[in-house]
N, C-alpha and C. Protein backbone atom coordinates (compact mmCIF):
# COMPACT_ATOMS: atom_id res chain seq x y z
N MET A 1 70.95 107.36 123.33
CA MET A 1 70.86 106.48 122.18
C MET A 1 72.20 105.77 122.00
N LYS A 2 72.16 104.46 121.83
CA LYS A 2 73.38 103.66 121.66
C LYS A 2 73.72 103.59 120.16
N GLU A 3 74.80 104.30 119.79
CA GLU A 3 75.22 104.37 118.40
C GLU A 3 76.64 103.83 118.25
N LEU A 4 76.95 103.40 117.04
CA LEU A 4 78.26 102.84 116.75
C LEU A 4 78.81 103.48 115.49
N LEU A 5 80.09 103.85 115.53
CA LEU A 5 80.81 104.32 114.34
C LEU A 5 81.73 103.19 113.91
N VAL A 6 81.62 102.80 112.64
CA VAL A 6 82.46 101.74 112.08
C VAL A 6 83.42 102.38 111.08
N VAL A 7 84.71 102.23 111.35
CA VAL A 7 85.76 102.77 110.48
C VAL A 7 86.27 101.61 109.63
N ILE A 8 86.00 101.66 108.35
CA ILE A 8 86.28 100.57 107.44
C ILE A 8 87.66 100.72 106.79
N ASP A 9 88.54 99.77 107.06
CA ASP A 9 89.79 99.54 106.32
C ASP A 9 90.69 100.76 106.10
N MET A 10 90.78 101.62 107.09
CA MET A 10 91.69 102.77 106.97
C MET A 10 93.12 102.28 107.28
N GLN A 11 93.63 101.51 106.34
CA GLN A 11 94.93 100.85 106.47
C GLN A 11 95.94 101.48 105.51
N ASN A 12 97.20 101.33 105.86
CA ASN A 12 98.27 101.92 105.05
C ASN A 12 98.16 101.55 103.57
N ASP A 13 97.92 100.28 103.26
CA ASP A 13 97.87 99.87 101.85
C ASP A 13 96.75 100.54 101.07
N PHE A 14 95.66 100.94 101.73
CA PHE A 14 94.54 101.58 101.04
C PHE A 14 94.65 103.10 101.02
N VAL A 15 95.56 103.65 101.81
CA VAL A 15 95.69 105.11 101.86
C VAL A 15 96.95 105.55 101.12
N THR A 16 98.11 105.05 101.54
CA THR A 16 99.37 105.48 100.92
C THR A 16 100.15 104.33 100.30
N GLY A 17 99.66 103.11 100.43
CA GLY A 17 100.40 101.93 99.98
C GLY A 17 100.02 101.44 98.61
N SER A 18 100.08 100.13 98.44
CA SER A 18 99.94 99.51 97.12
C SER A 18 98.60 99.81 96.43
N LEU A 19 97.55 100.07 97.18
CA LEU A 19 96.25 100.42 96.60
C LEU A 19 95.77 101.81 97.04
N GLY A 20 96.71 102.63 97.48
CA GLY A 20 96.38 103.97 97.96
C GLY A 20 95.93 104.88 96.83
N THR A 21 95.13 105.87 97.20
CA THR A 21 94.65 106.86 96.23
C THR A 21 94.73 108.25 96.85
N LYS A 22 94.73 109.25 95.99
CA LYS A 22 94.73 110.63 96.50
C LYS A 22 93.42 110.91 97.22
N GLU A 23 92.34 110.28 96.81
CA GLU A 23 91.05 110.47 97.49
C GLU A 23 91.08 109.90 98.90
N ALA A 24 91.72 108.75 99.07
CA ALA A 24 91.85 108.17 100.42
C ALA A 24 92.71 109.06 101.30
N CYS A 25 93.79 109.58 100.75
CA CYS A 25 94.63 110.52 101.51
C CYS A 25 93.83 111.75 101.92
N ALA A 26 92.97 112.21 101.01
CA ALA A 26 92.22 113.45 101.24
C ALA A 26 91.19 113.32 102.36
N ILE A 27 90.69 112.12 102.64
CA ILE A 27 89.67 111.99 103.69
C ILE A 27 90.27 111.71 105.07
N THR A 28 91.56 111.48 105.15
CA THR A 28 92.19 111.07 106.41
C THR A 28 91.89 112.02 107.56
N GLU A 29 92.04 113.30 107.35
CA GLU A 29 91.80 114.26 108.44
C GLU A 29 90.32 114.33 108.78
N LYS A 30 89.45 114.23 107.80
CA LYS A 30 88.00 114.23 108.07
C LYS A 30 87.62 113.01 108.91
N VAL A 31 88.21 111.88 108.59
CA VAL A 31 87.95 110.65 109.36
C VAL A 31 88.43 110.83 110.79
N ARG A 32 89.62 111.37 110.95
CA ARG A 32 90.17 111.60 112.30
C ARG A 32 89.26 112.54 113.09
N GLN A 33 88.80 113.61 112.46
CA GLN A 33 87.91 114.56 113.14
C GLN A 33 86.57 113.91 113.50
N LYS A 34 86.05 113.08 112.62
CA LYS A 34 84.79 112.39 112.89
C LYS A 34 84.94 111.49 114.11
N ILE A 35 86.04 110.76 114.18
CA ILE A 35 86.28 109.87 115.33
C ILE A 35 86.42 110.70 116.61
N LEU A 36 87.16 111.79 116.53
CA LEU A 36 87.33 112.67 117.69
C LEU A 36 85.98 113.16 118.21
N SER A 37 85.13 113.65 117.32
CA SER A 37 83.83 114.17 117.77
C SER A 37 82.94 113.04 118.27
N TRP A 38 83.03 111.89 117.65
CA TRP A 38 82.22 110.74 118.06
C TRP A 38 82.60 110.30 119.48
N THR A 39 83.89 110.19 119.72
CA THR A 39 84.34 109.73 121.04
C THR A 39 84.14 110.81 122.11
N ALA A 40 84.22 112.08 121.72
CA ALA A 40 83.98 113.16 122.68
C ALA A 40 82.56 113.12 123.22
N GLU A 41 81.65 112.59 122.41
CA GLU A 41 80.25 112.46 122.82
C GLU A 41 79.97 111.11 123.47
N GLY A 42 81.02 110.33 123.73
CA GLY A 42 80.86 109.05 124.39
C GLY A 42 80.46 107.91 123.48
N GLY A 43 80.56 108.12 122.17
CA GLY A 43 80.18 107.08 121.22
C GLY A 43 81.23 105.99 121.08
N GLU A 44 80.77 104.82 120.74
CA GLU A 44 81.67 103.67 120.53
C GLU A 44 82.17 103.66 119.09
N VAL A 45 83.45 103.32 118.91
CA VAL A 45 84.07 103.22 117.59
C VAL A 45 84.70 101.85 117.46
N VAL A 46 84.47 101.20 116.31
CA VAL A 46 85.16 99.96 115.99
C VAL A 46 85.81 100.12 114.61
N PHE A 47 86.78 99.29 114.34
CA PHE A 47 87.50 99.32 113.07
C PHE A 47 87.39 97.97 112.39
N THR A 48 87.46 97.97 111.05
CA THR A 48 87.68 96.73 110.32
C THR A 48 89.06 96.83 109.68
N ARG A 49 89.61 95.67 109.43
CA ARG A 49 90.94 95.61 108.82
C ARG A 49 90.92 94.49 107.78
N ASP A 50 91.11 94.85 106.52
CA ASP A 50 91.26 93.87 105.45
C ASP A 50 92.46 93.00 105.81
N THR A 51 92.30 91.70 105.76
CA THR A 51 93.35 90.81 106.25
C THR A 51 93.54 89.63 105.31
N HIS A 52 94.73 89.55 104.74
CA HIS A 52 95.05 88.46 103.82
C HIS A 52 96.28 87.71 104.32
N GLY A 53 96.42 86.48 103.82
CA GLY A 53 97.59 85.67 104.14
C GLY A 53 98.65 85.78 103.06
N GLU A 54 99.77 85.15 103.32
CA GLU A 54 100.89 85.17 102.37
C GLU A 54 100.49 84.58 101.01
N ASN A 55 99.47 83.73 101.00
CA ASN A 55 99.03 83.09 99.76
C ASN A 55 97.98 83.92 99.01
N TYR A 56 97.90 85.21 99.29
CA TYR A 56 96.86 86.08 98.72
C TYR A 56 96.73 85.90 97.21
N LEU A 57 97.83 85.88 96.47
CA LEU A 57 97.76 85.80 95.01
C LEU A 57 97.17 84.49 94.52
N ASP A 58 97.09 83.48 95.38
CA ASP A 58 96.49 82.19 95.02
C ASP A 58 94.99 82.14 95.30
N THR A 59 94.44 83.19 95.92
CA THR A 59 93.02 83.22 96.24
C THR A 59 92.22 83.77 95.05
N GLN A 60 90.90 83.60 95.09
CA GLN A 60 90.05 84.16 94.04
C GLN A 60 90.25 85.67 93.93
N GLU A 61 90.24 86.36 95.09
CA GLU A 61 90.45 87.81 95.05
C GLU A 61 91.82 88.14 94.47
N GLY A 62 92.85 87.40 94.87
CA GLY A 62 94.20 87.65 94.38
C GLY A 62 94.35 87.45 92.89
N ARG A 63 93.60 86.49 92.34
CA ARG A 63 93.64 86.27 90.89
C ARG A 63 92.92 87.39 90.15
N LYS A 64 91.87 87.95 90.76
CA LYS A 64 91.11 89.02 90.11
C LYS A 64 91.72 90.40 90.37
N LEU A 65 92.41 90.54 91.51
CA LEU A 65 93.10 91.79 91.87
C LEU A 65 94.53 91.40 92.28
N PRO A 66 95.40 91.19 91.28
CA PRO A 66 96.74 90.68 91.59
C PRO A 66 97.71 91.75 92.11
N ILE A 67 97.28 92.44 93.13
CA ILE A 67 98.13 93.43 93.80
C ILE A 67 98.17 93.02 95.27
N THR A 68 99.33 92.58 95.71
CA THR A 68 99.46 92.15 97.10
C THR A 68 99.19 93.33 98.02
N HIS A 69 98.31 93.09 99.01
CA HIS A 69 97.96 94.16 99.95
C HIS A 69 97.43 93.56 101.25
N CYS A 70 97.58 94.32 102.32
CA CYS A 70 97.01 93.99 103.63
C CYS A 70 97.34 92.57 104.09
N ILE A 71 98.60 92.20 103.93
CA ILE A 71 99.05 90.89 104.40
C ILE A 71 99.23 90.98 105.92
N ARG A 72 98.55 90.08 106.62
CA ARG A 72 98.58 90.09 108.10
C ARG A 72 100.01 90.29 108.61
N GLY A 73 100.15 91.28 109.50
CA GLY A 73 101.44 91.56 110.13
C GLY A 73 102.33 92.52 109.36
N SER A 74 101.95 92.86 108.12
CA SER A 74 102.79 93.77 107.33
C SER A 74 102.45 95.22 107.70
N GLU A 75 103.32 96.13 107.30
CA GLU A 75 103.07 97.55 107.52
C GLU A 75 101.80 98.01 106.79
N GLY A 76 101.59 97.48 105.60
CA GLY A 76 100.40 97.85 104.83
C GLY A 76 99.10 97.43 105.48
N TRP A 77 99.14 96.41 106.31
CA TRP A 77 97.96 95.87 107.01
C TRP A 77 97.56 96.75 108.18
N GLU A 78 98.50 97.50 108.71
CA GLU A 78 98.25 98.32 109.90
C GLU A 78 97.30 99.48 109.62
N ILE A 79 96.55 99.87 110.64
CA ILE A 79 95.73 101.08 110.57
C ILE A 79 96.68 102.27 110.39
N ILE A 80 96.27 103.27 109.60
CA ILE A 80 97.15 104.41 109.32
C ILE A 80 97.57 105.10 110.62
N PRO A 81 98.78 105.67 110.63
CA PRO A 81 99.31 106.27 111.86
C PRO A 81 98.39 107.32 112.50
N GLN A 82 97.70 108.11 111.68
CA GLN A 82 96.84 109.17 112.21
C GLN A 82 95.69 108.61 113.04
N LEU A 83 95.32 107.34 112.81
CA LEU A 83 94.19 106.74 113.52
C LEU A 83 94.61 105.69 114.54
N GLN A 84 95.91 105.40 114.59
CA GLN A 84 96.42 104.39 115.53
C GLN A 84 95.98 104.62 116.98
N PRO A 85 96.02 105.86 117.48
CA PRO A 85 95.61 106.06 118.87
C PRO A 85 94.17 105.61 119.14
N PHE A 86 93.30 105.78 118.16
CA PHE A 86 91.91 105.37 118.33
C PHE A 86 91.76 103.86 118.18
N ALA A 87 92.48 103.29 117.23
CA ALA A 87 92.39 101.86 116.98
C ALA A 87 92.88 101.06 118.18
N GLY A 88 93.88 101.60 118.87
CA GLY A 88 94.41 100.90 120.04
C GLY A 88 93.41 100.75 121.17
N ASP A 89 92.43 101.65 121.20
CA ASP A 89 91.40 101.62 122.25
C ASP A 89 90.10 101.00 121.76
N SER A 90 90.06 100.53 120.54
CA SER A 90 88.82 100.05 119.93
C SER A 90 88.91 98.58 119.55
N ARG A 91 87.75 98.00 119.35
CA ARG A 91 87.68 96.64 118.83
C ARG A 91 88.00 96.69 117.35
N ILE A 92 88.78 95.72 116.87
CA ILE A 92 89.13 95.63 115.46
C ILE A 92 88.66 94.29 114.92
N PHE A 93 87.94 94.33 113.81
CA PHE A 93 87.46 93.13 113.15
C PHE A 93 88.35 92.86 111.94
N ASP A 94 89.16 91.81 112.01
CA ASP A 94 89.97 91.40 110.86
C ASP A 94 89.07 90.60 109.94
N LYS A 95 89.00 91.01 108.69
CA LYS A 95 88.09 90.36 107.77
C LYS A 95 88.83 89.83 106.54
N PRO A 96 88.61 88.57 106.20
CA PRO A 96 89.29 87.98 105.06
C PRO A 96 88.60 88.27 103.73
N ALA A 97 87.46 88.93 103.79
CA ALA A 97 86.69 89.24 102.58
C ALA A 97 86.20 90.68 102.67
N PHE A 98 85.42 91.08 101.70
CA PHE A 98 84.96 92.47 101.64
C PHE A 98 84.09 92.85 102.83
N GLY A 99 83.16 91.98 103.18
CA GLY A 99 82.26 92.24 104.30
C GLY A 99 82.59 91.34 105.48
N SER A 100 82.22 91.78 106.67
CA SER A 100 82.50 91.01 107.89
C SER A 100 81.20 90.53 108.52
N VAL A 101 80.98 89.23 108.46
CA VAL A 101 79.83 88.63 109.13
C VAL A 101 79.98 88.84 110.64
N GLU A 102 81.20 88.73 111.14
CA GLU A 102 81.44 88.94 112.57
C GLU A 102 81.00 90.35 113.00
N LEU A 103 81.30 91.36 112.19
CA LEU A 103 80.87 92.72 112.48
C LEU A 103 79.35 92.81 112.46
N ALA A 104 78.71 92.24 111.45
CA ALA A 104 77.25 92.28 111.35
C ALA A 104 76.60 91.61 112.56
N GLU A 105 77.15 90.50 113.00
CA GLU A 105 76.62 89.82 114.19
C GLU A 105 76.83 90.66 115.44
N TYR A 106 77.99 91.29 115.55
CA TYR A 106 78.30 92.17 116.69
C TYR A 106 77.27 93.30 116.77
N ILE A 107 76.97 93.88 115.63
CA ILE A 107 76.00 94.97 115.58
C ILE A 107 74.60 94.44 115.90
N ARG A 108 74.24 93.32 115.30
CA ARG A 108 72.91 92.74 115.55
C ARG A 108 72.71 92.44 117.03
N ASP A 109 73.73 91.90 117.67
CA ASP A 109 73.62 91.48 119.06
C ASP A 109 73.93 92.59 120.06
N GLY A 110 74.39 93.76 119.58
CA GLY A 110 74.86 94.82 120.47
C GLY A 110 73.82 95.80 120.96
N GLY A 111 72.60 95.69 120.46
CA GLY A 111 71.56 96.60 120.92
C GLY A 111 71.71 98.03 120.43
N TYR A 112 72.36 98.21 119.31
CA TYR A 112 72.56 99.57 118.78
C TYR A 112 71.27 100.12 118.20
N GLU A 113 71.13 101.43 118.32
CA GLU A 113 69.97 102.11 117.76
C GLU A 113 70.28 102.78 116.43
N ALA A 114 71.57 102.90 116.13
CA ALA A 114 72.01 103.46 114.84
C ALA A 114 73.48 103.12 114.63
N VAL A 115 73.86 102.99 113.37
CA VAL A 115 75.25 102.69 113.01
C VAL A 115 75.64 103.61 111.86
N GLU A 116 76.84 104.19 111.95
CA GLU A 116 77.38 104.99 110.86
C GLU A 116 78.69 104.37 110.41
N MET A 117 78.92 104.38 109.09
CA MET A 117 80.13 103.81 108.52
C MET A 117 80.90 104.87 107.75
N ILE A 118 82.23 104.78 107.86
CA ILE A 118 83.13 105.66 107.12
C ILE A 118 84.34 104.83 106.71
N GLY A 119 85.12 105.31 105.72
CA GLY A 119 86.36 104.63 105.37
C GLY A 119 86.50 104.34 103.90
N VAL A 120 87.26 103.30 103.61
CA VAL A 120 87.59 102.91 102.23
C VAL A 120 87.37 101.40 102.07
N CYS A 121 87.21 100.99 100.92
CA CYS A 121 86.83 101.69 99.70
C CYS A 121 85.31 101.72 99.65
N THR A 122 84.75 102.87 99.35
CA THR A 122 83.30 103.04 99.32
C THR A 122 82.65 101.95 98.48
N ASP A 123 83.25 101.69 97.32
CA ASP A 123 82.67 100.83 96.31
C ASP A 123 82.99 99.34 96.50
N ILE A 124 83.71 99.00 97.54
CA ILE A 124 83.99 97.58 97.79
C ILE A 124 83.62 97.25 99.23
N CYS A 125 84.44 97.64 100.17
CA CYS A 125 84.23 97.21 101.56
C CYS A 125 83.20 98.02 102.32
N VAL A 126 83.09 99.32 102.06
CA VAL A 126 82.07 100.11 102.76
C VAL A 126 80.69 99.63 102.35
N VAL A 127 80.44 99.55 101.04
CA VAL A 127 79.12 99.11 100.57
C VAL A 127 78.84 97.67 101.01
N SER A 128 79.83 96.80 100.97
CA SER A 128 79.62 95.41 101.39
C SER A 128 79.20 95.31 102.84
N ASN A 129 79.89 96.04 103.71
CA ASN A 129 79.56 95.99 105.14
C ASN A 129 78.22 96.67 105.42
N ALA A 130 77.94 97.78 104.77
CA ALA A 130 76.67 98.46 104.98
C ALA A 130 75.50 97.56 104.59
N LEU A 131 75.61 96.91 103.44
CA LEU A 131 74.53 96.01 102.99
C LEU A 131 74.42 94.77 103.86
N LEU A 132 75.54 94.26 104.31
CA LEU A 132 75.51 93.09 105.20
C LEU A 132 74.84 93.42 106.52
N VAL A 133 75.18 94.56 107.09
CA VAL A 133 74.54 94.98 108.34
C VAL A 133 73.04 95.21 108.12
N LYS A 134 72.69 95.83 107.01
CA LYS A 134 71.27 96.07 106.71
C LYS A 134 70.52 94.74 106.56
N ALA A 135 71.17 93.75 105.98
CA ALA A 135 70.54 92.42 105.84
C ALA A 135 70.39 91.73 107.19
N TYR A 136 71.37 91.87 108.07
CA TYR A 136 71.33 91.25 109.39
C TYR A 136 70.37 91.97 110.33
N VAL A 137 70.25 93.28 110.19
CA VAL A 137 69.41 94.08 111.10
C VAL A 137 68.59 95.06 110.25
N PRO A 138 67.54 94.58 109.56
CA PRO A 138 66.83 95.40 108.58
C PRO A 138 66.22 96.69 109.13
N GLU A 139 65.83 96.72 110.41
CA GLU A 139 65.19 97.91 110.95
C GLU A 139 66.18 98.90 111.57
N LEU A 140 67.45 98.54 111.61
CA LEU A 140 68.47 99.43 112.18
C LEU A 140 68.79 100.55 111.21
N PRO A 141 68.73 101.80 111.65
CA PRO A 141 69.18 102.89 110.79
C PRO A 141 70.70 102.79 110.56
N VAL A 142 71.08 102.62 109.30
CA VAL A 142 72.49 102.55 108.91
C VAL A 142 72.76 103.75 108.03
N SER A 143 73.84 104.47 108.33
CA SER A 143 74.21 105.63 107.52
C SER A 143 75.68 105.55 107.13
N VAL A 144 76.00 106.31 106.09
CA VAL A 144 77.37 106.42 105.59
C VAL A 144 77.64 107.91 105.39
N ASP A 145 78.75 108.39 105.94
CA ASP A 145 79.16 109.78 105.72
C ASP A 145 80.04 109.81 104.47
N ALA A 146 79.47 110.27 103.36
CA ALA A 146 80.18 110.27 102.08
C ALA A 146 81.45 111.11 102.12
N SER A 147 81.49 112.14 102.96
CA SER A 147 82.68 113.00 103.02
C SER A 147 83.84 112.32 103.73
N CYS A 148 83.56 111.20 104.39
CA CYS A 148 84.59 110.42 105.09
C CYS A 148 84.80 109.07 104.43
N CYS A 149 84.48 108.99 103.14
CA CYS A 149 84.68 107.76 102.37
C CYS A 149 85.40 108.09 101.07
N ALA A 150 86.12 107.11 100.56
CA ALA A 150 86.78 107.24 99.26
C ALA A 150 86.69 105.90 98.54
N GLY A 151 86.42 105.98 97.24
CA GLY A 151 86.33 104.78 96.42
C GLY A 151 87.57 104.57 95.59
N VAL A 152 87.56 103.49 94.84
CA VAL A 152 88.67 103.19 93.93
C VAL A 152 88.75 104.29 92.87
N THR A 153 87.58 104.70 92.37
CA THR A 153 87.49 105.85 91.46
C THR A 153 86.34 106.73 91.95
N LEU A 154 86.31 107.95 91.50
CA LEU A 154 85.22 108.84 91.87
C LEU A 154 83.89 108.31 91.35
N GLU A 155 83.91 107.76 90.14
CA GLU A 155 82.68 107.23 89.54
C GLU A 155 82.15 106.05 90.34
N SER A 156 83.03 105.12 90.72
CA SER A 156 82.56 103.95 91.48
C SER A 156 82.16 104.34 92.91
N HIS A 157 82.79 105.38 93.46
CA HIS A 157 82.38 105.92 94.76
C HIS A 157 80.92 106.38 94.69
N HIS A 158 80.60 107.17 93.66
CA HIS A 158 79.23 107.68 93.50
C HIS A 158 78.25 106.55 93.22
N ALA A 159 78.66 105.56 92.44
CA ALA A 159 77.78 104.42 92.15
C ALA A 159 77.46 103.65 93.43
N ALA A 160 78.45 103.47 94.30
CA ALA A 160 78.23 102.77 95.57
C ALA A 160 77.29 103.55 96.47
N LEU A 161 77.46 104.88 96.51
CA LEU A 161 76.56 105.71 97.31
C LEU A 161 75.13 105.59 96.80
N CYS A 162 74.96 105.56 95.48
CA CYS A 162 73.64 105.39 94.88
C CYS A 162 73.04 104.03 95.26
N THR A 163 73.84 102.99 95.18
CA THR A 163 73.39 101.65 95.56
C THR A 163 72.93 101.62 97.01
N MET A 164 73.71 102.23 97.89
CA MET A 164 73.34 102.24 99.31
C MET A 164 72.04 103.01 99.53
N ARG A 165 71.89 104.14 98.86
CA ARG A 165 70.62 104.90 98.99
C ARG A 165 69.44 104.03 98.57
N MET A 166 69.60 103.28 97.48
CA MET A 166 68.53 102.44 96.98
C MET A 166 68.17 101.33 97.97
N CYS A 167 69.11 100.98 98.83
CA CYS A 167 68.90 99.92 99.82
C CYS A 167 68.59 100.49 101.20
N GLN A 168 68.11 101.72 101.23
CA GLN A 168 67.65 102.38 102.45
C GLN A 168 68.73 102.64 103.48
N ILE A 169 69.94 102.87 102.98
CA ILE A 169 71.04 103.32 103.83
C ILE A 169 71.13 104.84 103.62
N LEU A 170 71.13 105.56 104.71
CA LEU A 170 71.18 107.02 104.63
C LEU A 170 72.59 107.45 104.27
N VAL A 171 72.72 108.19 103.19
CA VAL A 171 74.01 108.75 102.78
C VAL A 171 74.01 110.21 103.14
N LYS A 172 74.93 110.57 104.03
CA LYS A 172 75.03 111.95 104.50
C LYS A 172 76.00 112.72 103.63
């Protein structure tokens, strides 16, 4: 079975940086272990990377979330050190918004039989990408491992998981 693991935005700024949370720090080892087991079984892994320009604060997102983060080329933009070895061997989708159309098209055109998503933030980028993929490939089984995800808050994490369940995304 051709399966894909998508690691969403496990970047310095979302784990230990300007938008980092203790919940994001807490899932780091679980994410690393998930990638290790996935690759040991010959599974493909791809990453997404939130990517903004120097003019971030002038964008709609920057005006609504005026915290500079994930500026292309900055340390905060980089995948966290614990996952760097995997990211170096994987395809990375730089995305200027919450969801990646390029990722959804890659999945649609890749002949995958199942896709699993993990990462941060459950309530913004994980849910956005999961719903986008489900819209692009409605019959594809899409799952999210809740133990390898962290939201902005615990409440919004649970709300996003509920939303995904309602949209026929399997939450493990």
